[in-house]
Amino acid sequence: MGFRKNSIIKSKPNFKKILIYKVQVQFSKDFLKIDKDQISMGIKSKPIKCEANKEIIKKIAKYFAISTTAIEIKSGHKSKEKIIEISQ
């Protein structure tokens, strides 16, 4: 199953809006840039024991002013390029 970038999908139970973004991560930098369906960001955490993924989710949640539980990494858990899903 492929993901369409920045797709809006309606789920059946509550008809929530779901956004899909491609995320590119750089280490040892601290920034967040969003351009259409792509998020480029820098993080300080090292990719050990999912610390980097936790920081990515926290930064995106803070940017969109949403709960961290509304963000899910769909693919790329061990990669610098990830696909995330944001439920609203």
C-alpha atoms as a PDB file:
ATOM      1  CA  MET A   1       0.000   0.000   0.000  1.00  0.00           C
ATOM      2  CA  GLY A   2       1.546   3.292  -1.082  1.00  0.00           C
ATOM      3  CA  PHE A   3       1.025   6.656   0.528  1.00  0.00           C
ATOM      4  CA  ARG A   4       0.052   9.715  -1.446  1.00  0.00           C
ATOM      5  CA  LYS A   5       1.853  12.729  -0.097  1.00  0.00           C
ATOM      6  CA  ASN A   6      -0.288  15.051   2.019  1.00  0.00           C
ATOM      7  CA  SER A   7      -3.322  12.904   1.326  1.00  0.00           C
ATOM      8  CA  ILE A   8      -6.500  13.607   3.220  1.00  0.00           C
ATOM      9  CA  ILE A   9      -8.288  10.421   4.212  1.00  0.00           C
ATOM     10  CA  LYS A  10     -11.585  10.202   6.054  1.00  0.00           C
ATOM     11  CA  SER A  11     -11.834   7.380   8.547  1.00  0.00           C
ATOM     12  CA  LYS A  12     -15.255   5.861   9.191  1.00  0.00           C
ATOM     13  CA  PRO A  13     -15.865   6.184  12.965  1.00  0.00           C
ATOM     14  CA  ASN A  14     -15.466   9.950  13.510  1.00  0.00           C
ATOM     15  CA  PHE A  15     -14.642  11.199  10.014  1.00  0.00           C
ATOM     16  CA  LYS A  16     -11.287  12.528  11.164  1.00  0.00           C
ATOM     17  CA  LYS A  17      -9.008  14.315   8.769  1.00  0.00           C
ATOM     18  CA  ILE A  18      -5.669  12.576   8.308  1.00  0.00           C
ATOM     19  CA  LEU A  19      -2.633  14.297   6.805  1.00  0.00           C
ATOM     20  CA  ILE A  20       0.382  12.426   5.450  1.00  0.00           C
ATOM     21  CA  TYR A  21       3.812  14.088   5.403  1.00  0.00           C
ATOM     22  CA  LYS A  22       7.270  12.996   4.303  1.00  0.00           C
ATOM     23  CA  VAL A  23       9.841  13.883   6.977  1.00  0.00           C
ATOM     24  CA  GLN A  24      13.575  14.322   6.419  1.00  0.00           C
ATOM     25  CA  VAL A  25      15.753  14.447   9.529  1.00  0.00           C
ATOM     26  CA  GLN A  26      19.194  15.917  10.141  1.00  0.00           C
ATOM     27  CA  PHE A  27      21.072  15.342  13.380  1.00  0.00           C
ATOM     28  CA  SER A  28      22.956  17.855  15.569  1.00  0.00           C
ATOM     29  CA  LYS A  29      20.832  20.762  14.326  1.00  0.00           C
ATOM     30  CA  ASP A  30      17.662  22.305  15.679  1.00  0.00           C
ATOM     31  CA  PHE A  31      15.139  23.537  13.110  1.00  0.00           C
ATOM     32  CA  LEU A  32      11.719  22.752  11.634  1.00  0.00           C
ATOM     33  CA  LYS A  33      10.651  23.694   8.108  1.00  0.00           C
ATOM     34  CA  ILE A  34       7.392  22.689   6.427  1.00  0.00           C
ATOM     35  CA  ASP A  35       6.889  23.004   2.685  1.00  0.00           C
ATOM     36  CA  LYS A  36       3.609  21.586   1.323  1.00  0.00           C
ATOM     37  CA  ASP A  37       3.791  17.849   2.076  1.00  0.00           C
ATOM     38  CA  GLN A  38       7.404  17.765   3.261  1.00  0.00           C
ATOM     39  CA  ILE A  39       8.834  18.457   6.701  1.00  0.00           C
ATOM     40  CA  SER A  40      12.565  19.037   7.111  1.00  0.00           C
ATOM     41  CA  MET A  41      13.807  19.112  10.656  1.00  0.00           C
ATOM     42  CA  GLY A  42      16.884  18.931  12.789  1.00  0.00           C
ATOM     43  CA  ILE A  43      16.994  17.159  16.123  1.00  0.00           C
ATOM     44  CA  LYS A  44      19.491  16.900  18.956  1.00  0.00           C
ATOM     45  CA  SER A  45      18.605  13.367  20.138  1.00  0.00           C
ATOM     46  CA  LYS A  46      20.626  10.402  18.977  1.00  0.00           C
ATOM     47  CA  PRO A  47      18.857   7.558  17.175  1.00  0.00           C
ATOM     48  CA  ILE A  48      19.177   5.221  20.152  1.00  0.00           C
ATOM     49  CA  LYS A  49      16.176   3.482  21.783  1.00  0.00           C
ATOM     50  CA  CYS A  50      13.697   5.547  19.707  1.00  0.00           C
ATOM     51  CA  GLU A  51      14.795   8.821  21.364  1.00  0.00           C
ATOM     52  CA  ALA A  52      15.074  10.520  17.967  1.00  0.00           C
ATOM     53  CA  ASN A  53      11.592   9.391  16.907  1.00  0.00           C
ATOM     54  CA  LYS A  54      10.142  10.651  20.207  1.00  0.00           C
ATOM     55  CA  GLU A  55      11.747  14.054  19.672  1.00  0.00           C
ATOM     56  CA  ILE A  56      10.421  14.191  16.090  1.00  0.00           C
ATOM     57  CA  ILE A  57       6.871  13.497  17.276  1.00  0.00           C
ATOM     58  CA  LYS A  58       7.134  16.059  20.104  1.00  0.00           C
ATOM     59  CA  LYS A  59       8.436  18.804  17.801  1.00  0.00           C
ATOM     60  CA  ILE A  60       5.752  18.212  15.191  1.00  0.00           C
ATOM     61  CA  ALA A  61       3.032  18.099  17.856  1.00  0.00           C
ATOM     62  CA  LYS A  62       4.261  21.371  19.322  1.00  0.00           C
ATOM     63  CA  TYR A  63       4.339  23.021  15.878  1.00  0.00           C
ATOM     64  CA  PHE A  64       0.763  21.990  15.032  1.00  0.00           C
ATOM     65  CA  ALA A  65      -0.414  22.491  18.662  1.00  0.00           C
ATOM     66  CA  ILE A  66      -1.819  18.956  18.862  1.00  0.00           C
ATOM     67  CA  SER A  67      -1.349  15.933  21.101  1.00  0.00           C
ATOM     68  CA  THR A  68       1.562  13.602  20.450  1.00  0.00           C
ATOM     69  CA  THR A  69      -0.966  10.748  20.254  1.00  0.00           C
ATOM     70  CA  ALA A  70      -2.346  12.297  17.031  1.00  0.00           C
ATOM     71  CA  ILE A  71       0.982  11.661  15.273  1.00  0.00           C
ATOM     72  CA  GLU A  72       2.143   8.258  14.085  1.00  0.00           C
ATOM     73  CA  ILE A  73       5.258   7.251  12.170  1.00  0.00           C
ATOM     74  CA  LYS A  74       3.935   4.997   9.408  1.00  0.00           C
ATOM     75  CA  SER A  75       7.293   4.051   7.861  1.00  0.00           C
ATOM     76  CA  GLY A  76      10.979   4.811   8.280  1.00  0.00           C
ATOM     77  CA  HIS A  77      11.314   4.090  11.999  1.00  0.00           C
ATOM     78  CA  LYS A  78      15.046   3.439  11.540  1.00  0.00           C
ATOM     79  CA  SER A  79      15.662   5.869   8.688  1.00  0.00           C
ATOM     80  CA  LYS A  80      16.314   9.593   8.247  1.00  0.00           C
ATOM     81  CA  GLU A  81      13.335   9.678   5.885  1.00  0.00           C
ATOM     82  CA  LYS A  82       9.971   8.931   7.417  1.00  0.00           C
ATOM     83  CA  ILE A  83       6.305   8.989   6.524  1.00  0.00           C
ATOM     84  CA  ILE A  84       4.107  10.355   9.307  1.00  0.00           C
ATOM     85  CA  GLU A  85       0.352  10.470   9.714  1.00  0.00           C
ATOM     86  CA  ILE A  86      -1.363  13.295  11.602  1.00  0.00           C
ATOM     87  CA  SER A  87      -4.958  12.721  12.726  1.00  0.00           C
ATOM     88  CA  GLN A  88      -7.070  15.804  13.346  1.00  0.00           C
END
